[in-house]
Amino acid sequence: MSKKSLEVLTESMFYVLMALLKEEMCGTEIAGYVEKKSNKRIKIGPGTLYTILAKFEEEEIIEETSVVGRKRTYRITDKGIGIYIEELERLKLCVLDGESEAVESEKIISNKFL
């Protein structure tokens, strides 16, 4: 995974990092956390999840902390925390820009989303 591909995280990548901010987790726990946190809006399948985990591990965004049988547990690294914070700030700016434009163009009638 090149630096360029980390400039913007996918939604699934963002939620994987969010899960690992909470505590060390295995893949099944991460998938469960993401589904619960997103009110079942995001469901990460095993193929997607383990591809993300492998890429994150390769880039030292996460690290494996234990292996028991087939169960592998991961934690976020300082580099991963930095990437999460950068993405969180980017998303906040996107929301602010979107809200500002909606208000300026008077396209939103109520404050339902603001």
N, C-alpha and C. Protein backbone atom coordinates (compact mmCIF):
# COMPACT_ATOMS: atom_id res chain seq x y z
N MET A 1 0.85 -1.18 0.00
CA MET A 1 0.00 0.00 0.00
C MET A 1 0.89 1.23 0.00
N SER A 2 0.81 2.02 -1.02
CA SER A 2 1.67 3.19 -1.11
C SER A 2 1.12 4.35 -0.28
N LYS A 3 1.97 5.30 0.00
CA LYS A 3 1.57 6.50 0.74
C LYS A 3 0.40 7.17 0.04
N LYS A 4 0.44 7.21 -1.28
CA LYS A 4 -0.61 7.85 -2.08
C LYS A 4 -1.97 7.24 -1.78
N SER A 5 -2.05 5.92 -1.64
CA SER A 5 -3.33 5.28 -1.41
C SER A 5 -3.86 5.52 0.00
N LEU A 6 -3.04 6.05 0.89
CA LEU A 6 -3.48 6.33 2.26
C LEU A 6 -3.96 7.77 2.43
N GLU A 7 -3.91 8.55 1.37
CA GLU A 7 -4.35 9.94 1.49
C GLU A 7 -5.83 10.02 1.84
N VAL A 8 -6.62 9.08 1.35
CA VAL A 8 -8.03 8.99 1.67
C VAL A 8 -8.33 7.53 1.97
N LEU A 9 -8.85 7.27 3.17
CA LEU A 9 -9.21 5.91 3.54
C LEU A 9 -10.60 5.58 3.04
N THR A 10 -10.83 4.32 2.73
CA THR A 10 -12.20 3.90 2.44
C THR A 10 -12.96 3.90 3.76
N GLU A 11 -14.26 3.85 3.66
CA GLU A 11 -15.09 3.82 4.86
C GLU A 11 -14.74 2.60 5.72
N SER A 12 -14.57 1.47 5.08
CA SER A 12 -14.21 0.25 5.81
C SER A 12 -12.87 0.39 6.52
N MET A 13 -11.88 0.96 5.85
CA MET A 13 -10.57 1.17 6.46
C MET A 13 -10.68 2.08 7.68
N PHE A 14 -11.45 3.15 7.54
CA PHE A 14 -11.63 4.10 8.63
C PHE A 14 -12.23 3.41 9.85
N TYR A 15 -13.25 2.60 9.63
CA TYR A 15 -13.91 1.90 10.74
C TYR A 15 -13.03 0.82 11.36
N VAL A 16 -12.18 0.19 10.57
CA VAL A 16 -11.24 -0.79 11.13
C VAL A 16 -10.30 -0.08 12.10
N LEU A 17 -9.77 1.06 11.70
CA LEU A 17 -8.89 1.81 12.60
C LEU A 17 -9.65 2.29 13.84
N MET A 18 -10.88 2.71 13.66
CA MET A 18 -11.71 3.14 14.78
C MET A 18 -11.87 2.00 15.79
N ALA A 19 -12.11 0.81 15.30
CA ALA A 19 -12.27 -0.35 16.17
C ALA A 19 -11.01 -0.58 17.00
N LEU A 20 -9.86 -0.47 16.35
CA LEU A 20 -8.61 -0.75 17.04
C LEU A 20 -8.18 0.37 17.98
N LEU A 21 -8.78 1.55 17.85
CA LEU A 21 -8.53 2.62 18.83
C LEU A 21 -9.07 2.20 20.19
N LYS A 22 -10.16 1.45 20.17
CA LYS A 22 -10.84 1.03 21.38
C LYS A 22 -10.00 0.04 22.18
N GLU A 23 -9.50 -0.98 21.49
CA GLU A 23 -8.70 -2.02 22.14
C GLU A 23 -8.14 -2.97 21.09
N GLU A 24 -7.25 -3.85 21.51
CA GLU A 24 -6.76 -4.89 20.61
C GLU A 24 -7.92 -5.82 20.27
N MET A 25 -7.99 -6.23 19.01
CA MET A 25 -9.09 -7.09 18.56
C MET A 25 -8.62 -8.06 17.50
N CYS A 26 -9.35 -9.15 17.37
CA CYS A 26 -9.15 -10.08 16.26
C CYS A 26 -10.11 -9.66 15.14
N GLY A 27 -9.98 -10.28 13.99
CA GLY A 27 -10.80 -9.93 12.84
C GLY A 27 -12.28 -10.02 13.09
N THR A 28 -12.73 -11.09 13.73
CA THR A 28 -14.15 -11.27 14.02
C THR A 28 -14.66 -10.16 14.93
N GLU A 29 -13.86 -9.78 15.91
CA GLU A 29 -14.25 -8.70 16.83
C GLU A 29 -14.31 -7.36 16.10
N ILE A 30 -13.37 -7.13 15.20
CA ILE A 30 -13.37 -5.90 14.41
C ILE A 30 -14.64 -5.81 13.57
N ALA A 31 -14.95 -6.89 12.86
CA ALA A 31 -16.15 -6.91 12.01
C ALA A 31 -17.41 -6.66 12.84
N GLY A 32 -17.49 -7.27 14.02
CA GLY A 32 -18.64 -7.07 14.90
C GLY A 32 -18.73 -5.64 15.40
N TYR A 33 -17.60 -5.07 15.77
CA TYR A 33 -17.56 -3.68 16.23
C TYR A 33 -18.06 -2.74 15.14
N VAL A 34 -17.56 -2.92 13.92
CA VAL A 34 -17.92 -2.04 12.81
C VAL A 34 -19.42 -2.13 12.53
N GLU A 35 -19.94 -3.32 12.51
CA GLU A 35 -21.37 -3.50 12.25
C GLU A 35 -22.21 -2.84 13.35
N LYS A 36 -21.81 -3.03 14.59
CA LYS A 36 -22.55 -2.44 15.72
C LYS A 36 -22.42 -0.92 15.72
N LYS A 37 -21.21 -0.42 15.56
CA LYS A 37 -20.96 1.03 15.60
C LYS A 37 -21.72 1.76 14.50
N SER A 38 -21.84 1.12 13.35
CA SER A 38 -22.51 1.75 12.20
C SER A 38 -24.00 1.40 12.13
N ASN A 39 -24.53 0.84 13.19
CA ASN A 39 -25.94 0.42 13.21
C ASN A 39 -26.28 -0.47 12.01
N LYS A 40 -25.39 -1.41 11.71
CA LYS A 40 -25.52 -2.39 10.63
C LYS A 40 -25.46 -1.78 9.23
N ARG A 41 -25.07 -0.52 9.13
CA ARG A 41 -24.93 0.14 7.83
C ARG A 41 -23.72 -0.40 7.08
N ILE A 42 -22.68 -0.76 7.84
CA ILE A 42 -21.45 -1.28 7.23
C ILE A 42 -21.23 -2.71 7.71
N LYS A 43 -21.13 -3.61 6.76
CA LYS A 43 -20.80 -5.00 7.06
C LYS A 43 -19.56 -5.34 6.26
N ILE A 44 -18.49 -5.65 6.96
CA ILE A 44 -17.23 -5.98 6.29
C ILE A 44 -17.11 -7.50 6.20
N GLY A 45 -17.04 -7.99 4.99
CA GLY A 45 -16.86 -9.42 4.78
C GLY A 45 -15.43 -9.82 5.05
N PRO A 46 -15.19 -11.12 5.23
CA PRO A 46 -13.84 -11.60 5.55
C PRO A 46 -12.80 -11.23 4.50
N GLY A 47 -13.15 -11.30 3.23
CA GLY A 47 -12.18 -10.97 2.17
C GLY A 47 -11.72 -9.53 2.26
N THR A 48 -12.67 -8.63 2.42
CA THR A 48 -12.35 -7.20 2.55
C THR A 48 -11.56 -6.94 3.82
N LEU A 49 -12.03 -7.51 4.93
CA LEU A 49 -11.39 -7.27 6.21
C LEU A 49 -9.94 -7.74 6.22
N TYR A 50 -9.71 -8.96 5.78
CA TYR A 50 -8.35 -9.48 5.86
C TYR A 50 -7.42 -8.85 4.82
N THR A 51 -7.97 -8.32 3.74
CA THR A 51 -7.17 -7.54 2.79
C THR A 51 -6.73 -6.24 3.45
N ILE A 52 -7.66 -5.57 4.13
CA ILE A 52 -7.34 -4.32 4.84
C ILE A 52 -6.30 -4.60 5.93
N LEU A 53 -6.52 -5.63 6.72
CA LEU A 53 -5.59 -5.94 7.81
C LEU A 53 -4.19 -6.23 7.27
N ALA A 54 -4.10 -6.99 6.19
CA ALA A 54 -2.79 -7.30 5.60
C ALA A 54 -2.10 -6.03 5.10
N LYS A 55 -2.85 -5.16 4.44
CA LYS A 55 -2.26 -3.91 3.94
C LYS A 55 -1.83 -3.01 5.08
N PHE A 56 -2.68 -2.90 6.10
CA PHE A 56 -2.33 -2.07 7.26
C PHE A 56 -1.11 -2.61 7.99
N GLU A 57 -1.02 -3.92 8.09
CA GLU A 57 0.13 -4.53 8.76
C GLU A 57 1.40 -4.29 7.94
N GLU A 58 1.30 -4.43 6.64
CA GLU A 58 2.44 -4.21 5.74
C GLU A 58 2.97 -2.77 5.88
N GLU A 59 2.07 -1.82 6.05
CA GLU A 59 2.44 -0.41 6.17
C GLU A 59 2.69 0.04 7.61
N GLU A 60 2.66 -0.92 8.53
CA GLU A 60 2.91 -0.67 9.95
C GLU A 60 1.90 0.30 10.57
N ILE A 61 0.68 0.22 10.09
CA ILE A 61 -0.43 1.00 10.62
C ILE A 61 -1.05 0.25 11.79
N ILE A 62 -0.99 -1.06 11.70
CA ILE A 62 -1.39 -1.95 12.79
C ILE A 62 -0.28 -2.98 12.97
N GLU A 63 -0.33 -3.68 14.09
CA GLU A 63 0.61 -4.78 14.28
C GLU A 63 -0.10 -5.94 14.97
N GLU A 64 0.35 -7.11 14.62
CA GLU A 64 -0.19 -8.33 15.22
C GLU A 64 0.39 -8.46 16.62
N THR A 65 -0.48 -8.77 17.60
CA THR A 65 0.00 -8.89 18.98
C THR A 65 -0.03 -10.32 19.49
N SER A 66 -0.87 -11.16 18.89
CA SER A 66 -0.87 -12.57 19.31
C SER A 66 -1.51 -13.44 18.24
N VAL A 67 -1.12 -14.70 18.26
CA VAL A 67 -1.69 -15.70 17.37
C VAL A 67 -1.99 -16.92 18.21
N VAL A 68 -3.26 -17.30 18.26
CA VAL A 68 -3.69 -18.51 18.98
C VAL A 68 -4.48 -19.34 17.98
N GLY A 69 -3.88 -20.40 17.49
CA GLY A 69 -4.52 -21.18 16.43
C GLY A 69 -4.64 -20.31 15.19
N ARG A 70 -5.87 -20.14 14.72
CA ARG A 70 -6.11 -19.28 13.56
C ARG A 70 -6.49 -17.85 13.96
N LYS A 71 -6.66 -17.62 15.24
CA LYS A 71 -7.06 -16.29 15.73
C LYS A 71 -5.85 -15.38 15.87
N ARG A 72 -5.89 -14.27 15.14
CA ARG A 72 -4.83 -13.27 15.19
C ARG A 72 -5.40 -11.99 15.78
N THR A 73 -4.67 -11.41 16.71
CA THR A 73 -5.11 -10.19 17.37
C THR A 73 -4.20 -9.05 16.93
N TYR A 74 -4.82 -7.87 16.74
CA TYR A 74 -4.10 -6.70 16.23
C TYR A 74 -4.29 -5.49 17.14
N ARG A 75 -3.34 -4.57 17.05
CA ARG A 75 -3.48 -3.27 17.71
C ARG A 75 -3.02 -2.19 16.73
N ILE A 76 -3.52 -1.00 16.95
CA ILE A 76 -3.15 0.14 16.12
C ILE A 76 -1.80 0.69 16.59
N THR A 77 -0.98 1.14 15.66
CA THR A 77 0.32 1.73 15.99
C THR A 77 0.18 3.25 16.08
N ASP A 78 1.24 3.91 16.52
CA ASP A 78 1.24 5.38 16.54
C ASP A 78 1.02 5.93 15.13
N LYS A 79 1.63 5.30 14.14
CA LYS A 79 1.43 5.71 12.74
C LYS A 79 -0.04 5.58 12.37
N GLY A 80 -0.67 4.50 12.78
CA GLY A 80 -2.08 4.28 12.50
C GLY A 80 -2.97 5.31 13.16
N ILE A 81 -2.64 5.69 14.39
CA ILE A 81 -3.40 6.73 15.09
C ILE A 81 -3.29 8.04 14.33
N GLY A 82 -2.09 8.36 13.86
CA GLY A 82 -1.90 9.59 13.08
C GLY A 82 -2.73 9.59 11.80
N ILE A 83 -2.76 8.46 11.11
CA ILE A 83 -3.55 8.35 9.88
C ILE A 83 -5.04 8.49 10.19
N TYR A 84 -5.48 7.87 11.29
CA TYR A 84 -6.89 7.97 11.70
C TYR A 84 -7.26 9.43 11.97
N ILE A 85 -6.42 10.13 12.72
CA ILE A 85 -6.69 11.54 13.06
C ILE A 85 -6.72 12.40 11.80
N GLU A 86 -5.79 12.19 10.89
CA GLU A 86 -5.78 12.95 9.63
C GLU A 86 -7.08 12.72 8.84
N GLU A 87 -7.51 11.47 8.77
CA GLU A 87 -8.74 11.16 8.04
C GLU A 87 -9.96 11.75 8.74
N LEU A 88 -9.98 11.70 10.06
CA LEU A 88 -11.09 12.29 10.82
C LEU A 88 -11.18 13.79 10.53
N GLU A 89 -10.05 14.47 10.52
CA GLU A 89 -10.03 15.90 10.23
C GLU A 89 -10.50 16.17 8.79
N ARG A 90 -10.06 15.35 7.86
CA ARG A 90 -10.49 15.51 6.46
C ARG A 90 -12.00 15.35 6.34
N LEU A 91 -12.54 14.35 7.02
CA LEU A 91 -13.99 14.12 6.96
C LEU A 91 -14.78 15.26 7.61
N LYS A 92 -14.26 15.79 8.71
CA LYS A 92 -14.91 16.95 9.35
C LYS A 92 -14.99 18.12 8.39
N LEU A 93 -13.89 18.38 7.67
CA LEU A 93 -13.88 19.48 6.70
C LEU A 93 -14.87 19.24 5.56
N CYS A 94 -14.99 17.99 5.13
CA CYS A 94 -15.97 17.65 4.09
C CYS A 94 -17.38 17.96 4.57
N VAL A 95 -17.69 17.59 5.81
CA VAL A 95 -19.02 17.85 6.36
C VAL A 95 -19.26 19.35 6.48
N LEU A 96 -18.28 20.09 6.99
CA LEU A 96 -18.43 21.55 7.10
C LEU A 96 -18.66 22.19 5.73
N ASP A 97 -17.88 21.77 4.73
CA ASP A 97 -18.06 22.30 3.38
C ASP A 97 -19.46 21.97 2.86
N GLY A 98 -19.91 20.75 3.07
CA GLY A 98 -21.23 20.33 2.59
C GLY A 98 -22.35 21.09 3.28
N GLU A 99 -22.25 21.26 4.58
CA GLU A 99 -23.27 22.00 5.32
C GLU A 99 -23.29 23.47 4.88
N SER A 100 -22.12 24.05 4.72
CA SER A 100 -22.01 25.44 4.30
C SER A 100 -22.66 25.64 2.93
N GLU A 101 -22.36 24.76 2.01
CA GLU A 101 -22.91 24.87 0.66
C GLU A 101 -24.43 24.69 0.66
N ALA A 102 -24.91 23.76 1.47
CA ALA A 102 -26.36 23.52 1.54
C ALA A 102 -27.08 24.75 2.08
N VAL A 103 -26.52 25.38 3.09
CA VAL A 103 -27.12 26.57 3.67
C VAL A 103 -27.07 27.72 2.67
N GLU A 104 -25.90 27.91 2.04
CA GLU A 104 -25.74 29.00 1.09
C GLU A 104 -26.67 28.86 -0.11
N SER A 105 -26.90 27.66 -0.56
CA SER A 105 -27.74 27.46 -1.74
C SER A 105 -29.21 27.25 -1.37
N GLU A 106 -29.50 27.31 -0.08
CA GLU A 106 -30.87 27.18 0.43
C GLU A 106 -31.56 25.91 -0.05
N LYS A 107 -30.80 24.84 -0.21
CA LYS A 107 -31.36 23.57 -0.65
C LYS A 107 -31.94 22.75 0.48
N ILE A 108 -31.51 23.05 1.70
CA ILE A 108 -32.02 22.31 2.86
C ILE A 108 -33.07 23.17 3.52
N ILE A 109 -34.27 22.66 3.62
CA ILE A 109 -35.40 23.41 4.16
C ILE A 109 -35.39 23.40 5.67
N SER A 110 -35.07 22.26 6.27
CA SER A 110 -35.05 22.17 7.72
C SER A 110 -33.63 21.95 8.22
N ASN A 111 -33.46 22.01 9.49
CA ASN A 111 -32.15 21.75 10.09
C ASN A 111 -31.99 20.28 10.44
N LYS A 112 -32.69 19.43 9.77
CA LYS A 112 -32.65 18.00 10.06
C LYS A 112 -31.23 17.46 10.07
N PHE A 113 -30.40 17.90 9.14
CA PHE A 113 -29.04 17.38 9.02
C PHE A 113 -27.99 18.30 9.63
N LEU A 114 -28.38 19.48 10.05
CA LEU A 114 -27.39 20.44 10.54
C LEU A 114 -27.35 20.52 12.03
